[in-house]
Amino acid sequence: MLAVSADKPGAFEALVEFYERQVKAAVARSIRDRSSVDDLSQEVFLRLFRARARYQPTARFETFLYRIIFNLCVNHTQYRNRRRAWSLDAPIQGENDGTFEIEDDAERGPLETLQDSERARLVREGVEMLPEKQRQALIMSRFEGLGYEDIATVMGLSLSAVKSLLWRARDNLRDHLRPILDDSFFPPADAGAPGRDTTDE
């Protein structure tokens, strides 16, 4: 990205080639309509390019990248929700419109590699039922591998708010998935249940 900032020939093309599949997978996990994955992924790189002059390596590049992905996907989801509310003819999304279904086997995350298709379906269903901020935080933590501080930076929240979101997301999922998944799927909370936090409400 520093090379892109310096307008080094070929730098942006190399960045796109290296991160394209990762960005598409992250976008696909973050939105519910697969038809928009390619367009939003292209928009991510367009925003990266536009931000090149003001880019400063104050955090990991992946954190900077996921901040763009998060904001873009949240805006897209909010826009679609408003359109759905306006339209009485909006179709009901089918079961195969899941956030975590990625066609490329090389980009399959933990949910897609579960051997039992019924388990995978129930996990997707459970994640989709979470409040939006809980869902996004859990995706970044459990399926994108971001740490608490990176998630806080991406979502513009305090560290305690992120921990609260993740604890509540895992607690909600435990109730939904307890019959099919053991506790190893959910790492234990750092220090028990946090105090009430309205960040996800």
Protein backbone atom coordinates (compact mmCIF):
# COMPACT_ATOMS: atom_id res chain seq x y z
CA MET A 1 0.00 0.00 0.00
CA LEU A 2 2.93 2.33 0.63
CA ALA A 3 4.09 1.59 -2.91
CA VAL A 4 0.59 2.41 -4.16
CA SER A 5 0.72 5.65 -2.18
CA ALA A 6 3.98 6.49 -3.91
CA ASP A 7 2.41 5.77 -7.32
CA LYS A 8 4.91 3.01 -8.01
CA PRO A 9 4.07 1.45 -11.40
CA GLY A 10 2.30 -1.89 -11.05
CA ALA A 11 1.90 -1.60 -7.26
CA PHE A 12 -1.88 -1.30 -7.25
CA GLU A 13 -2.28 -4.17 -9.71
CA ALA A 14 -0.08 -6.35 -7.48
CA LEU A 15 -2.11 -5.41 -4.40
CA VAL A 16 -5.37 -6.30 -6.15
CA GLU A 17 -3.98 -9.63 -7.34
CA PHE A 18 -2.77 -10.53 -3.84
CA TYR A 19 -5.92 -9.54 -1.92
CA GLU A 20 -8.73 -10.05 -4.46
CA ARG A 21 -9.84 -13.49 -3.29
CA GLN A 22 -9.56 -12.53 0.38
CA VAL A 23 -11.65 -9.40 -0.17
CA LYS A 24 -14.34 -11.30 -2.08
CA ALA A 25 -14.54 -13.91 0.68
CA ALA A 26 -14.81 -11.22 3.38
CA VAL A 27 -17.51 -9.34 1.47
CA ALA A 28 -19.46 -12.56 0.86
CA ARG A 29 -19.40 -13.31 4.59
CA SER A 30 -20.59 -9.82 5.47
CA ILE A 31 -23.62 -9.39 3.20
CA ARG A 32 -26.69 -11.50 2.57
CA ASP A 33 -27.09 -11.06 -1.19
CA ARG A 34 -24.42 -12.86 -3.17
CA SER A 35 -25.32 -10.99 -6.36
CA SER A 36 -23.53 -7.88 -5.04
CA VAL A 37 -20.25 -9.54 -4.00
CA ASP A 38 -18.31 -8.74 -7.17
CA ASP A 39 -19.51 -5.13 -7.37
CA LEU A 40 -18.76 -4.45 -3.72
CA SER A 41 -15.35 -6.11 -3.96
CA GLN A 42 -14.47 -3.82 -6.87
CA GLU A 43 -15.69 -0.85 -4.83
CA VAL A 44 -13.38 -1.88 -1.97
CA PHE A 45 -10.35 -1.62 -4.24
CA LEU A 46 -11.63 1.61 -5.76
CA ARG A 47 -11.84 3.11 -2.27
CA LEU A 48 -8.37 1.80 -1.46
CA PHE A 49 -7.00 3.53 -4.54
CA ARG A 50 -8.79 6.78 -3.72
CA ALA A 51 -7.39 6.65 -0.17
CA ARG A 52 -3.78 6.11 -1.26
CA ALA A 53 -2.69 9.74 -0.76
CA ARG A 54 -3.86 9.84 2.87
CA TYR A 55 -2.84 6.31 3.83
CA GLN A 56 -0.63 6.10 6.92
CA PRO A 57 0.70 2.77 8.25
CA THR A 58 -0.48 3.41 11.81
CA ALA A 59 -2.08 -0.06 11.98
CA ARG A 60 -1.81 -3.33 10.10
CA PHE A 61 -2.84 -2.95 6.47
CA GLU A 62 -5.42 -5.72 6.92
CA THR A 63 -7.10 -3.62 9.63
CA PHE A 64 -7.24 -0.65 7.26
CA LEU A 65 -8.61 -2.93 4.54
CA TYR A 66 -11.29 -4.46 6.77
CA ARG A 67 -12.36 -0.99 7.88
CA ILE A 68 -13.22 -0.24 4.24
CA ILE A 69 -14.96 -3.59 3.78
CA PHE A 70 -16.95 -3.16 7.01
CA ASN A 71 -18.17 0.36 6.21
CA LEU A 72 -19.07 -0.55 2.65
CA CYS A 73 -20.98 -3.69 3.65
CA VAL A 74 -22.82 -1.95 6.50
CA ASN A 75 -23.93 0.83 4.16
CA HIS A 76 -24.99 -1.72 1.55
CA THR A 77 -26.99 -3.73 4.10
CA GLN A 78 -28.71 -0.63 5.48
CA TYR A 79 -29.63 0.50 1.96
CA ARG A 80 -31.07 -2.90 1.08
CA ASN A 81 -33.04 -3.01 4.33
CA ARG A 82 -34.57 0.39 3.55
CA ARG A 83 -35.47 -0.72 0.03
CA ARG A 84 -37.00 -3.92 1.38
CA ALA A 85 -39.08 -1.92 3.83
CA TRP A 86 -40.32 0.30 1.01
CA SER A 87 -41.25 -2.54 -1.31
CA LEU A 88 -44.24 -4.75 -0.66
CA ASP A 89 -43.11 -7.05 -3.46
CA ALA A 90 -39.63 -7.79 -2.11
CA PRO A 91 -38.93 -11.52 -2.57
CA ILE A 92 -38.17 -13.69 0.43
CA GLN A 93 -34.52 -14.74 0.40
CA GLY A 94 -34.00 -18.43 -0.17
CA GLU A 95 -32.02 -20.77 1.98
CA ASN A 96 -29.17 -20.80 -0.55
CA ASP A 97 -28.66 -17.04 -0.16
CA GLY A 98 -26.45 -17.55 2.91
CA THR A 99 -23.70 -15.17 3.82
CA PHE A 100 -21.04 -17.87 4.09
CA GLU A 101 -21.48 -19.75 0.82
CA ILE A 102 -18.35 -19.21 -1.28
CA GLU A 103 -18.03 -20.97 -4.61
CA ASP A 104 -14.24 -21.08 -4.66
CA ASP A 105 -13.05 -24.00 -2.54
CA ALA A 106 -9.77 -22.21 -1.86
CA GLU A 107 -11.71 -19.47 0.00
CA ARG A 108 -13.90 -21.74 2.07
CA GLY A 109 -13.85 -20.71 5.72
CA PRO A 110 -14.53 -22.72 8.89
CA LEU A 111 -18.28 -22.77 8.35
CA GLU A 112 -18.04 -24.11 4.81
CA THR A 113 -15.58 -26.84 5.70
CA LEU A 114 -17.85 -28.45 8.29
CA GLN A 115 -18.39 -32.02 7.16
CA ASP A 116 -22.04 -32.21 8.07
CA SER A 117 -24.14 -30.06 5.72
CA GLU A 118 -26.92 -29.85 8.28
CA ARG A 119 -24.52 -28.48 10.86
CA ALA A 120 -23.25 -25.92 8.34
CA ARG A 121 -26.80 -24.84 7.56
CA LEU A 122 -27.68 -24.44 11.24
CA VAL A 123 -24.50 -22.45 11.93
CA ARG A 124 -25.27 -20.10 9.03
CA GLU A 125 -28.82 -19.77 10.28
CA GLY A 126 -27.64 -18.99 13.80
CA VAL A 127 -25.17 -16.35 12.66
CA GLU A 128 -27.78 -14.72 10.42
CA MET A 129 -30.17 -14.44 13.38
CA LEU A 130 -27.72 -12.31 15.39
CA PRO A 131 -28.12 -8.52 15.66
CA GLU A 132 -26.05 -6.87 12.94
CA LYS A 133 -23.17 -5.60 15.10
CA GLN A 134 -22.88 -8.92 16.91
CA ARG A 135 -22.86 -10.71 13.55
CA GLN A 136 -20.16 -8.48 12.08
CA ALA A 137 -17.96 -8.70 15.18
CA LEU A 138 -18.27 -12.49 15.29
CA ILE A 139 -17.46 -12.84 11.59
CA MET A 140 -14.31 -10.75 11.98
CA SER A 141 -13.24 -12.59 15.14
CA ARG A 142 -14.14 -16.20 14.39
CA PHE A 143 -14.00 -16.35 10.62
CA GLU A 144 -11.60 -13.57 9.55
CA GLY A 145 -9.13 -14.00 12.42
CA LEU A 146 -9.03 -10.38 13.61
CA GLY A 147 -8.12 -9.62 17.22
CA TYR A 148 -10.15 -7.50 19.62
CA GLU A 149 -8.14 -4.34 19.01
CA ASP A 150 -8.36 -4.71 15.23
CA ILE A 151 -12.12 -5.24 15.44
CA ALA A 152 -12.45 -2.18 17.67
CA THR A 153 -10.57 -0.12 15.08
CA VAL A 154 -12.61 -1.49 12.18
CA MET A 155 -15.97 -0.92 13.89
CA GLY A 156 -15.05 2.34 15.60
CA LEU A 157 -15.87 0.93 19.05
CA SER A 158 -14.11 0.66 22.38
CA LEU A 159 -12.32 -2.54 23.31
CA SER A 160 -14.87 -3.25 26.05
CA ALA A 161 -17.74 -2.78 23.59
CA VAL A 162 -16.18 -5.29 21.20
CA LYS A 163 -15.71 -7.83 23.98
CA SER A 164 -19.32 -7.32 25.01
CA LEU A 165 -20.55 -7.82 21.43
CA LEU A 166 -18.54 -11.01 21.04
CA TRP A 167 -19.63 -12.41 24.39
CA ARG A 168 -23.29 -11.79 23.58
CA ALA A 169 -22.92 -13.18 20.06
CA ARG A 170 -21.33 -16.38 21.36
CA ASP A 171 -23.90 -16.67 24.12
CA ASN A 172 -26.76 -16.30 21.64
CA LEU A 173 -25.20 -18.85 19.30
CA ARG A 174 -24.65 -21.34 22.10
CA ASP A 175 -28.37 -21.40 22.75
CA HIS A 176 -29.10 -22.00 19.07
CA LEU A 177 -26.32 -24.50 18.38
CA ARG A 178 -25.83 -26.37 21.64
CA PRO A 179 -27.54 -29.54 20.31
CA ILE A 180 -25.10 -29.85 17.38
CA LEU A 181 -21.77 -28.24 18.36
CA ASP A 182 -19.58 -28.74 21.40
CA ASP A 183 -18.05 -25.86 23.35
CA SER A 184 -14.77 -26.07 21.43
CA PHE A 185 -16.44 -24.14 18.61
CA PHE A 186 -16.73 -21.14 20.93
CA PRO A 187 -13.60 -19.99 22.78
CA PRO A 188 -14.34 -19.12 26.43
CA ALA A 189 -14.85 -15.47 27.31
CA ASP A 190 -11.83 -13.69 28.80
CA ALA A 191 -13.43 -12.77 32.10
CA GLY A 192 -16.98 -14.00 32.26
CA ALA A 193 -20.11 -12.13 31.27
CA PRO A 194 -19.60 -8.39 30.78
CA GLY A 195 -21.91 -5.77 32.19
CA ARG A 196 -24.86 -4.66 30.16
CA ASP A 197 -23.82 -2.89 26.98
CA THR A 198 -26.31 -1.39 24.52
CA THR A 199 -23.85 -1.21 21.63
CA ASP A 200 -25.71 -3.93 19.72
CA GLU A 201 -29.19 -2.59 20.33
